[in-house]
Amino acid sequence: MWKRVFVFVIITVVTMLACPSYCSCSDNAIAVGYGFGMFNLDPKFGKLRGDNGSYYFYQLAYSREKALVKNLHLLMEPFAAYVSDPDSGLDAGMTASLKYYFGKEKMKSFFATAGAGAAYTTIKFEEQETHFLFILQCGIGYRWNKYFIEARFRHYSNGGTERPNRSINANIVNIGMHF
């Protein structure tokens, strides 16, 4: 199982490095985050649907962004996450997003992100029948010079490729630094 995750991460990184738009990016960042289940049709904080337990994880992400127009950027972001609940395991994946800076100067500005991607998880979620999941996500944050903080909503789904296909939703609080 861990061998498959390792191979997936290696393929993702090699694919990203081979992509010309990714390699010509000018702004790099690294972020750490804490995620928890949210909006999973359970009224309790951090819970999955029904009696399936809690959902908590710690994430590390590396991102590169390239300006498409003045305030709109393309953001490519491979990530790895350690899932502590409902079982311990690993998520690894990649997302592509659009990032919009609301201020005249991106160095001190609020921003919003929206994008999609895919991930492989070692967790056997009762809500999903497969370990390969699709991602939809959006977030809002603030960048102050090299540093940023962001709140992001992530939706995991198997895209109807298997049954059941009940969503796994999470909120992630990221803090990071551009370099």
N, C-alpha and C. Protein backbone atom coordinates (compact mmCIF):
# COMPACT_ATOMS: atom_id res chain seq x y z
N MET A 1 0.83 -1.19 0.00
CA MET A 1 0.00 0.00 0.00
C MET A 1 0.88 1.25 0.00
N TRP A 2 1.88 1.31 0.87
CA TRP A 2 2.75 2.48 0.93
C TRP A 2 3.55 2.61 -0.36
N LYS A 3 3.84 1.48 -1.00
CA LYS A 3 4.57 1.51 -2.26
C LYS A 3 3.74 2.23 -3.33
N ARG A 4 2.42 1.99 -3.36
CA ARG A 4 1.55 2.67 -4.32
C ARG A 4 1.52 4.17 -4.07
N VAL A 5 1.48 4.57 -2.81
CA VAL A 5 1.48 6.00 -2.48
C VAL A 5 2.78 6.64 -2.94
N PHE A 6 3.90 5.99 -2.66
CA PHE A 6 5.20 6.50 -3.07
C PHE A 6 5.27 6.65 -4.59
N VAL A 7 4.82 5.64 -5.33
CA VAL A 7 4.83 5.69 -6.79
C VAL A 7 3.93 6.83 -7.28
N PHE A 8 2.76 7.00 -6.67
CA PHE A 8 1.85 8.08 -7.05
C PHE A 8 2.51 9.45 -6.85
N VAL A 9 3.16 9.66 -5.72
CA VAL A 9 3.83 10.93 -5.44
C VAL A 9 4.95 11.17 -6.45
N ILE A 10 5.75 10.17 -6.75
CA ILE A 10 6.85 10.31 -7.72
C ILE A 10 6.30 10.65 -9.10
N ILE A 11 5.24 9.97 -9.54
CA ILE A 11 4.64 10.26 -10.85
C ILE A 11 4.10 11.68 -10.88
N THR A 12 3.46 12.11 -9.81
CA THR A 12 2.92 13.47 -9.74
C THR A 12 4.03 14.51 -9.86
N VAL A 13 5.11 14.34 -9.11
CA VAL A 13 6.22 15.30 -9.14
C VAL A 13 6.88 15.33 -10.52
N VAL A 14 7.12 14.16 -11.11
CA VAL A 14 7.75 14.11 -12.44
C VAL A 14 6.85 14.78 -13.47
N THR A 15 5.54 14.52 -13.41
CA THR A 15 4.60 15.15 -14.33
C THR A 15 4.61 16.66 -14.19
N MET A 16 4.63 17.13 -12.95
CA MET A 16 4.64 18.57 -12.70
C MET A 16 5.91 19.21 -13.24
N LEU A 17 7.04 18.58 -13.04
CA LEU A 17 8.30 19.15 -13.50
C LEU A 17 8.40 19.15 -15.02
N ALA A 18 7.68 18.23 -15.66
CA ALA A 18 7.71 18.16 -17.13
C ALA A 18 6.76 19.17 -17.77
N CYS A 19 5.88 19.74 -16.99
CA CYS A 19 4.89 20.70 -17.51
C CYS A 19 5.53 22.08 -17.65
N PRO A 20 5.60 22.63 -18.87
CA PRO A 20 6.27 23.92 -19.07
C PRO A 20 5.67 25.07 -18.26
N SER A 21 4.35 25.14 -18.14
CA SER A 21 3.76 26.25 -17.39
C SER A 21 4.12 26.15 -15.91
N TYR A 22 4.32 24.94 -15.42
CA TYR A 22 4.68 24.76 -14.02
C TYR A 22 6.14 25.18 -13.80
N CYS A 23 7.02 24.77 -14.70
CA CYS A 23 8.45 25.07 -14.52
C CYS A 23 8.77 26.55 -14.70
N SER A 24 7.97 27.27 -15.45
CA SER A 24 8.27 28.68 -15.68
C SER A 24 7.63 29.60 -14.64
N CYS A 25 7.09 29.00 -13.58
CA CYS A 25 6.46 29.82 -12.54
C CYS A 25 7.51 30.60 -11.78
N SER A 26 7.06 31.72 -11.21
CA SER A 26 8.03 32.59 -10.56
C SER A 26 7.86 32.70 -9.06
N ASP A 27 6.78 32.19 -8.49
CA ASP A 27 6.53 32.37 -7.07
C ASP A 27 6.33 31.00 -6.41
N ASN A 28 7.20 30.65 -5.50
CA ASN A 28 7.13 29.38 -4.78
C ASN A 28 6.63 29.62 -3.37
N ALA A 29 5.98 28.61 -2.79
CA ALA A 29 5.53 28.72 -1.41
C ALA A 29 5.48 27.33 -0.79
N ILE A 30 5.58 27.30 0.51
CA ILE A 30 5.41 26.07 1.27
C ILE A 30 4.42 26.39 2.39
N ALA A 31 3.53 25.43 2.66
CA ALA A 31 2.50 25.67 3.67
C ALA A 31 2.28 24.43 4.52
N VAL A 32 1.97 24.64 5.77
CA VAL A 32 1.55 23.57 6.66
C VAL A 32 0.10 23.87 7.05
N GLY A 33 -0.67 22.82 7.22
CA GLY A 33 -2.07 23.03 7.53
C GLY A 33 -2.63 21.98 8.45
N TYR A 34 -3.74 22.34 9.06
CA TYR A 34 -4.49 21.44 9.91
C TYR A 34 -5.90 21.35 9.34
N GLY A 35 -6.38 20.14 9.10
CA GLY A 35 -7.69 19.95 8.51
C GLY A 35 -8.60 19.15 9.40
N PHE A 36 -9.89 19.39 9.26
CA PHE A 36 -10.89 18.69 10.06
C PHE A 36 -12.18 18.58 9.26
N GLY A 37 -12.94 17.53 9.53
CA GLY A 37 -14.20 17.31 8.85
C GLY A 37 -15.18 18.44 9.10
N MET A 38 -15.92 18.80 8.04
CA MET A 38 -16.87 19.89 8.15
C MET A 38 -17.94 19.73 7.07
N PHE A 39 -19.20 20.01 7.39
CA PHE A 39 -20.32 19.92 6.46
C PHE A 39 -20.50 18.52 5.89
N ASN A 40 -20.37 17.51 6.76
CA ASN A 40 -20.54 16.12 6.35
C ASN A 40 -21.88 15.55 6.79
N LEU A 41 -22.89 16.39 6.88
CA LEU A 41 -24.24 16.01 7.31
C LEU A 41 -24.27 15.41 8.71
N ASP A 42 -23.33 15.82 9.53
CA ASP A 42 -23.33 15.46 10.94
C ASP A 42 -23.20 16.77 11.71
N PRO A 43 -24.04 16.99 12.69
CA PRO A 43 -24.01 18.29 13.38
C PRO A 43 -22.78 18.50 14.26
N LYS A 44 -22.02 17.45 14.53
CA LYS A 44 -20.87 17.58 15.41
C LYS A 44 -19.63 18.01 14.63
N PHE A 45 -18.81 18.88 15.26
CA PHE A 45 -17.59 19.41 14.68
C PHE A 45 -16.59 18.28 14.41
N GLY A 46 -15.99 18.27 13.22
CA GLY A 46 -14.94 17.32 12.89
C GLY A 46 -15.41 15.94 12.53
N LYS A 47 -16.71 15.71 12.47
CA LYS A 47 -17.24 14.36 12.24
C LYS A 47 -17.50 14.09 10.77
N LEU A 48 -17.45 12.80 10.44
CA LEU A 48 -17.91 12.35 9.14
C LEU A 48 -19.39 12.01 9.27
N ARG A 49 -19.98 11.55 8.23
CA ARG A 49 -21.40 11.23 8.19
C ARG A 49 -21.73 10.07 9.15
N GLY A 50 -22.77 10.24 9.96
CA GLY A 50 -23.25 9.16 10.83
C GLY A 50 -22.27 8.76 11.90
N ASP A 51 -22.07 7.46 12.07
CA ASP A 51 -21.19 6.93 13.12
C ASP A 51 -19.78 6.62 12.61
N ASN A 52 -19.38 7.23 11.52
CA ASN A 52 -18.09 6.89 10.89
C ASN A 52 -16.90 7.55 11.55
N GLY A 53 -17.10 8.29 12.63
CA GLY A 53 -15.99 8.84 13.39
C GLY A 53 -15.58 10.23 12.97
N SER A 54 -14.47 10.66 13.53
CA SER A 54 -13.92 11.98 13.28
C SER A 54 -12.99 11.95 12.08
N TYR A 55 -12.70 13.13 11.56
CA TYR A 55 -11.77 13.27 10.44
C TYR A 55 -10.85 14.44 10.73
N TYR A 56 -9.57 14.14 10.99
CA TYR A 56 -8.55 15.15 11.27
C TYR A 56 -7.27 14.79 10.53
N PHE A 57 -6.56 15.80 10.03
CA PHE A 57 -5.31 15.53 9.31
C PHE A 57 -4.38 16.75 9.38
N TYR A 58 -3.10 16.49 9.11
CA TYR A 58 -2.05 17.51 9.05
C TYR A 58 -1.48 17.47 7.64
N GLN A 59 -1.35 18.64 7.01
CA GLN A 59 -0.97 18.69 5.61
C GLN A 59 0.28 19.52 5.38
N LEU A 60 1.09 19.09 4.43
CA LEU A 60 2.26 19.83 3.96
C LEU A 60 2.09 20.00 2.46
N ALA A 61 2.20 21.24 1.97
CA ALA A 61 2.01 21.51 0.54
C ALA A 61 3.10 22.43 0.02
N TYR A 62 3.50 22.17 -1.19
CA TYR A 62 4.44 23.03 -1.91
C TYR A 62 3.67 23.59 -3.09
N SER A 63 3.74 24.88 -3.33
CA SER A 63 3.00 25.45 -4.45
C SER A 63 3.87 26.38 -5.28
N ARG A 64 3.50 26.46 -6.54
CA ARG A 64 4.12 27.40 -7.46
C ARG A 64 3.01 28.13 -8.17
N GLU A 65 3.16 29.41 -8.32
CA GLU A 65 2.13 30.17 -9.01
C GLU A 65 2.74 31.04 -10.10
N LYS A 66 1.94 31.22 -11.14
CA LYS A 66 2.36 32.03 -12.28
C LYS A 66 1.24 32.98 -12.62
N ALA A 67 1.58 34.24 -12.86
CA ALA A 67 0.58 35.25 -13.21
C ALA A 67 0.04 34.98 -14.61
N LEU A 68 -1.27 34.94 -14.72
CA LEU A 68 -1.92 34.83 -16.03
C LEU A 68 -2.24 36.22 -16.56
N VAL A 69 -2.81 37.04 -15.69
CA VAL A 69 -3.03 38.47 -15.92
C VAL A 69 -2.66 39.14 -14.61
N LYS A 70 -2.85 40.44 -14.51
CA LYS A 70 -2.34 41.18 -13.36
C LYS A 70 -2.65 40.55 -11.99
N ASN A 71 -3.91 40.31 -11.66
CA ASN A 71 -4.27 39.80 -10.33
C ASN A 71 -4.69 38.34 -10.33
N LEU A 72 -4.69 37.68 -11.48
CA LEU A 72 -5.12 36.28 -11.58
C LEU A 72 -3.92 35.39 -11.84
N HIS A 73 -3.75 34.38 -11.00
CA HIS A 73 -2.59 33.50 -11.08
C HIS A 73 -3.03 32.05 -11.19
N LEU A 74 -2.19 31.23 -11.84
CA LEU A 74 -2.36 29.79 -11.88
C LEU A 74 -1.54 29.21 -10.74
N LEU A 75 -2.14 28.35 -9.94
CA LEU A 75 -1.49 27.78 -8.76
C LEU A 75 -1.45 26.27 -8.91
N MET A 76 -0.27 25.68 -8.91
CA MET A 76 -0.08 24.22 -8.95
C MET A 76 0.44 23.80 -7.59
N GLU A 77 -0.19 22.78 -6.99
CA GLU A 77 0.11 22.46 -5.60
C GLU A 77 0.09 20.96 -5.31
N PRO A 78 1.24 20.30 -5.30
CA PRO A 78 1.28 18.93 -4.79
C PRO A 78 1.24 18.98 -3.26
N PHE A 79 0.62 17.98 -2.64
CA PHE A 79 0.51 17.96 -1.19
C PHE A 79 0.59 16.53 -0.66
N ALA A 80 0.92 16.44 0.61
CA ALA A 80 0.88 15.18 1.35
C ALA A 80 0.27 15.48 2.70
N ALA A 81 -0.55 14.56 3.19
CA ALA A 81 -1.22 14.78 4.47
C ALA A 81 -1.17 13.51 5.30
N TYR A 82 -0.92 13.68 6.59
CA TYR A 82 -1.02 12.57 7.53
C TYR A 82 -2.41 12.64 8.15
N VAL A 83 -3.19 11.60 7.97
CA VAL A 83 -4.54 11.53 8.52
C VAL A 83 -4.47 10.81 9.86
N SER A 84 -4.94 11.47 10.92
CA SER A 84 -4.91 10.85 12.24
C SER A 84 -6.23 10.16 12.60
N ASP A 85 -7.36 10.64 12.07
CA ASP A 85 -8.66 10.03 12.30
C ASP A 85 -9.45 10.05 11.00
N PRO A 86 -10.23 9.07 10.65
CA PRO A 86 -10.74 7.97 11.44
C PRO A 86 -9.74 6.84 11.66
N ASP A 87 -8.77 6.69 10.79
CA ASP A 87 -7.65 5.76 10.96
C ASP A 87 -6.40 6.54 10.60
N SER A 88 -5.25 6.06 11.02
CA SER A 88 -4.03 6.75 10.61
C SER A 88 -3.66 6.30 9.21
N GLY A 89 -3.21 7.25 8.41
CA GLY A 89 -2.86 6.95 7.03
C GLY A 89 -2.30 8.17 6.34
N LEU A 90 -2.23 8.10 5.02
CA LEU A 90 -1.60 9.14 4.23
C LEU A 90 -2.46 9.49 3.03
N ASP A 91 -2.56 10.77 2.73
CA ASP A 91 -3.14 11.27 1.49
C ASP A 91 -2.03 11.94 0.71
N ALA A 92 -2.01 11.75 -0.61
CA ALA A 92 -1.05 12.43 -1.47
C ALA A 92 -1.76 12.80 -2.75
N GLY A 93 -1.54 14.03 -3.21
CA GLY A 93 -2.23 14.44 -4.42
C GLY A 93 -1.72 15.74 -4.98
N MET A 94 -2.47 16.27 -5.94
CA MET A 94 -2.08 17.49 -6.62
C MET A 94 -3.34 18.23 -7.03
N THR A 95 -3.30 19.55 -6.88
CA THR A 95 -4.41 20.39 -7.32
C THR A 95 -3.90 21.50 -8.24
N ALA A 96 -4.76 21.94 -9.11
CA ALA A 96 -4.51 23.11 -9.95
C ALA A 96 -5.63 24.09 -9.65
N SER A 97 -5.27 25.33 -9.34
CA SER A 97 -6.25 26.32 -8.93
C SER A 97 -5.98 27.65 -9.60
N LEU A 98 -7.00 28.48 -9.59
CA LEU A 98 -6.84 29.87 -9.94
C LEU A 98 -6.82 30.66 -8.64
N LYS A 99 -5.93 31.63 -8.57
CA LYS A 99 -5.78 32.46 -7.37
C LYS A 99 -5.94 33.91 -7.79
N TYR A 100 -6.86 34.60 -7.12
CA TYR A 100 -7.12 35.99 -7.44
C TYR A 100 -6.76 36.88 -6.25
N TYR A 101 -5.89 37.88 -6.50
CA TYR A 101 -5.50 38.85 -5.47
C TYR A 101 -6.43 40.07 -5.58
N PHE A 102 -7.06 40.45 -4.48
CA PHE A 102 -8.01 41.56 -4.50
C PHE A 102 -7.34 42.93 -4.44
N GLY A 103 -6.13 43.02 -3.92
CA GLY A 103 -5.45 44.30 -3.79
C GLY A 103 -4.69 44.69 -5.04
N LYS A 104 -4.25 45.94 -5.08
CA LYS A 104 -3.45 46.41 -6.22
C LYS A 104 -2.08 45.76 -6.22
N GLU A 105 -1.59 45.47 -5.04
CA GLU A 105 -0.28 44.84 -4.89
C GLU A 105 -0.46 43.49 -4.21
N LYS A 106 0.00 42.41 -4.85
CA LYS A 106 -0.24 41.08 -4.29
C LYS A 106 0.55 40.82 -3.01
N MET A 107 1.56 41.61 -2.72
CA MET A 107 2.38 41.37 -1.53
C MET A 107 1.64 41.65 -0.22
N LYS A 108 0.62 42.48 -0.26
CA LYS A 108 -0.21 42.77 0.92
C LYS A 108 -1.66 42.81 0.45
N SER A 109 -2.28 41.63 0.39
CA SER A 109 -3.60 41.57 -0.21
C SER A 109 -4.37 40.34 0.25
N PHE A 110 -5.70 40.48 0.27
CA PHE A 110 -6.56 39.32 0.42
C PHE A 110 -6.57 38.60 -0.92
N PHE A 111 -6.79 37.27 -0.87
CA PHE A 111 -6.88 36.48 -2.09
C PHE A 111 -7.92 35.39 -1.94
N ALA A 112 -8.36 34.87 -3.08
CA ALA A 112 -9.30 33.75 -3.12
C ALA A 112 -8.76 32.71 -4.10
N THR A 113 -8.99 31.45 -3.79
CA THR A 113 -8.56 30.36 -4.67
C THR A 113 -9.74 29.45 -4.96
N ALA A 114 -9.71 28.82 -6.12
CA ALA A 114 -10.70 27.81 -6.50
C ALA A 114 -10.03 26.87 -7.49
N GLY A 115 -10.21 25.56 -7.28
CA GLY A 115 -9.56 24.63 -8.18
C GLY A 115 -10.03 23.20 -8.02
N ALA A 116 -9.32 22.31 -8.71
CA ALA A 116 -9.65 20.90 -8.72
C ALA A 116 -8.37 20.09 -8.78
N GLY A 117 -8.48 18.82 -8.47
CA GLY A 117 -7.32 17.95 -8.52
C GLY A 117 -7.70 16.51 -8.22
N ALA A 118 -6.69 15.74 -7.82
CA ALA A 118 -6.89 14.33 -7.50
C ALA A 118 -5.95 13.94 -6.38
N ALA A 119 -6.33 12.89 -5.65
CA ALA A 119 -5.51 12.41 -4.54
C ALA A 119 -5.67 10.90 -4.40
N TYR A 120 -4.66 10.31 -3.81
CA TYR A 120 -4.72 8.90 -3.41
C TYR A 120 -4.67 8.88 -1.90
N THR A 121 -5.54 8.10 -1.28
CA THR A 121 -5.55 7.98 0.17
C THR A 121 -5.39 6.52 0.58
N THR A 122 -4.70 6.29 1.67
CA THR A 122 -4.58 4.94 2.20
C THR A 122 -5.71 4.62 3.16
N ILE A 123 -6.54 5.60 3.48
CA ILE A 123 -7.65 5.43 4.40
C ILE A 123 -8.81 4.74 3.68
N LYS A 124 -9.45 3.79 4.35
CA LYS A 124 -10.65 3.14 3.82
C LYS A 124 -11.86 3.87 4.38
N PHE A 125 -12.28 4.93 3.68
CA PHE A 125 -13.45 5.70 4.09
C PHE A 125 -14.71 4.90 3.76
N GLU A 126 -15.65 4.84 4.70
CA GLU A 126 -16.93 4.18 4.44
C GLU A 126 -17.74 4.94 3.40
N GLU A 127 -17.48 6.24 3.27
CA GLU A 127 -18.20 7.07 2.31
C GLU A 127 -17.76 6.83 0.87
N GLN A 128 -16.59 6.25 0.68
CA GLN A 128 -16.02 6.03 -0.65
C GLN A 128 -15.61 4.57 -0.78
N GLU A 129 -15.73 4.02 -1.97
CA GLU A 129 -15.36 2.63 -2.20
C GLU A 129 -13.96 2.51 -2.80
N THR A 130 -13.34 3.64 -3.11
CA THR A 130 -12.05 3.62 -3.77
C THR A 130 -11.05 4.49 -3.00
N HIS A 131 -9.78 4.25 -3.25
CA HIS A 131 -8.73 5.06 -2.61
C HIS A 131 -8.32 6.24 -3.48
N PHE A 132 -8.72 6.24 -4.75
CA PHE A 132 -8.39 7.35 -5.65
C PHE A 132 -9.57 8.32 -5.65
N LEU A 133 -9.33 9.56 -5.25
CA LEU A 133 -10.40 10.54 -5.07
C LEU A 133 -10.15 11.80 -5.89
N PHE A 134 -11.22 12.44 -6.30
CA PHE A 134 -11.16 13.72 -6.98
C PHE A 134 -11.38 14.82 -5.96
N ILE A 135 -10.84 16.00 -6.24
CA ILE A 135 -10.89 17.12 -5.30
C ILE A 135 -11.51 18.34 -5.97
N LEU A 136 -12.40 18.99 -5.25
CA LEU A 136 -12.84 20.34 -5.57
C LEU A 136 -12.54 21.16 -4.32
N GLN A 137 -11.99 22.36 -4.48
CA GLN A 137 -11.65 23.16 -3.31
C GLN A 137 -11.73 24.65 -3.62
N CYS A 138 -11.92 25.41 -2.55
CA CYS A 138 -11.90 26.87 -2.65
C CYS A 138 -11.43 27.42 -1.31
N GLY A 139 -10.90 28.61 -1.33
CA GLY A 139 -10.39 29.18 -0.09
C GLY A 139 -10.29 30.69 -0.17
N ILE A 140 -10.04 31.26 0.99
CA ILE A 140 -9.81 32.71 1.08
C ILE A 140 -8.69 32.91 2.09
N GLY A 141 -7.84 33.90 1.81
CA GLY A 141 -6.70 34.12 2.69
C GLY A 141 -6.16 35.53 2.59
N TYR A 142 -5.05 35.74 3.30
CA TYR A 142 -4.38 37.04 3.28
C TYR A 142 -2.89 36.80 3.16
N ARG A 143 -2.26 37.53 2.24
CA ARG A 143 -0.81 37.50 2.08
C ARG A 143 -0.23 38.79 2.59
N TRP A 144 0.79 38.66 3.43
CA TRP A 144 1.51 39.80 3.96
C TRP A 144 2.98 39.57 3.67
N ASN A 145 3.50 40.26 2.65
CA ASN A 145 4.86 40.10 2.15
C ASN A 145 5.12 38.62 1.81
N LYS A 146 6.03 37.96 2.53
CA LYS A 146 6.34 36.57 2.23
C LYS A 146 5.39 35.58 2.89
N TYR A 147 4.58 36.00 3.82
CA TYR A 147 3.78 35.09 4.64
C TYR A 147 2.31 35.14 4.26
N PHE A 148 1.60 34.04 4.51
CA PHE A 148 0.16 34.03 4.24
C PHE A 148 -0.55 33.08 5.19
N ILE A 149 -1.85 33.32 5.32
CA ILE A 149 -2.73 32.43 6.06
C ILE A 149 -3.97 32.24 5.19
N GLU A 150 -4.51 31.03 5.20
CA GLU A 150 -5.64 30.73 4.33
C GLU A 150 -6.57 29.72 5.00
N ALA A 151 -7.86 29.90 4.81
CA ALA A 151 -8.87 28.92 5.19
C ALA A 151 -9.40 28.34 3.88
N ARG A 152 -9.37 27.02 3.79
CA ARG A 152 -9.74 26.36 2.54
C ARG A 152 -10.77 25.27 2.80
N PHE A 153 -11.75 25.16 1.93
CA PHE A 153 -12.74 24.09 1.98
C PHE A 153 -12.40 23.08 0.90
N ARG A 154 -12.32 21.79 1.28
CA ARG A 154 -11.99 20.72 0.33
C ARG A 154 -13.10 19.68 0.30
N HIS A 155 -13.46 19.28 -0.90
CA HIS A 155 -14.49 18.26 -1.13
C HIS A 155 -13.83 17.08 -1.83
N TYR A 156 -13.83 15.91 -1.17
CA TYR A 156 -13.35 14.66 -1.76
C TYR A 156 -14.54 13.89 -2.32
N SER A 157 -14.39 13.31 -3.50
CA SER A 157 -15.42 12.48 -4.10
C SER A 157 -14.76 11.50 -5.05
N ASN A 158 -15.38 10.33 -5.25
CA ASN A 158 -14.82 9.41 -6.24
C ASN A 158 -15.42 9.67 -7.62
N GLY A 159 -16.20 10.72 -7.75
CA GLY A 159 -16.74 11.13 -9.05
C GLY A 159 -17.74 10.14 -9.65
N GLY A 160 -18.35 9.31 -8.81
CA GLY A 160 -19.32 8.35 -9.30
C GLY A 160 -18.71 7.12 -9.94
N THR A 161 -17.41 6.93 -9.78
CA THR A 161 -16.76 5.75 -10.37
C THR A 161 -17.05 4.49 -9.57
N GLU A 162 -17.42 4.61 -8.32
CA GLU A 162 -17.77 3.48 -7.44
C GLU A 162 -18.97 3.87 -6.60
N ARG A 163 -19.57 2.88 -5.96
CA ARG A 163 -20.66 3.11 -5.00
C ARG A 163 -20.22 2.59 -3.65
N PRO A 164 -20.43 3.29 -2.56
CA PRO A 164 -21.11 4.56 -2.45
C PRO A 164 -20.21 5.71 -2.88
N ASN A 165 -20.84 6.86 -3.10
CA ASN A 165 -20.13 8.07 -3.46
C ASN A 165 -20.68 9.22 -2.62
N ARG A 166 -20.46 9.12 -1.31
CA ARG A 166 -20.87 10.21 -0.42
C ARG A 166 -19.64 11.09 -0.17
N SER A 167 -19.84 12.36 -0.16
CA SER A 167 -18.72 13.30 -0.07
C SER A 167 -18.01 13.23 1.28
N ILE A 168 -16.75 13.59 1.25
CA ILE A 168 -15.93 13.78 2.45
C ILE A 168 -15.46 15.22 2.37
N ASN A 169 -15.97 16.05 3.27
CA ASN A 169 -15.67 17.47 3.24
C ASN A 169 -14.80 17.87 4.43
N ALA A 170 -13.91 18.81 4.19
CA ALA A 170 -13.00 19.26 5.26
C ALA A 170 -12.68 20.73 5.10
N ASN A 171 -12.36 21.34 6.21
CA ASN A 171 -11.82 22.70 6.23
C ASN A 171 -10.34 22.58 6.58
N ILE A 172 -9.51 23.35 5.92
CA ILE A 172 -8.06 23.32 6.18
C ILE A 172 -7.61 24.74 6.49
N VAL A 173 -6.88 24.90 7.56
CA VAL A 173 -6.28 26.19 7.90
C VAL A 173 -4.79 26.06 7.58
N ASN A 174 -4.33 26.84 6.59
CA ASN A 174 -2.93 26.81 6.15
C ASN A 174 -2.21 28.07 6.58
N ILE A 175 -0.96 27.90 6.99
CA ILE A 175 -0.06 29.03 7.14
C ILE A 175 1.18 28.69 6.31
N GLY A 176 1.74 29.71 5.68
CA GLY A 176 2.85 29.42 4.81
C GLY A 176 3.74 30.61 4.53
N MET A 177 4.74 30.34 3.68
CA MET A 177 5.74 31.35 3.36
C MET A 177 6.12 31.22 1.89
N HIS A 178 6.18 32.36 1.20
CA HIS A 178 6.64 32.42 -0.19
C HIS A 178 8.17 32.59 -0.19
N PHE A 179 8.80 32.02 -1.20
CA PHE A 179 10.25 32.20 -1.34
C PHE A 179 10.63 32.26 -2.81
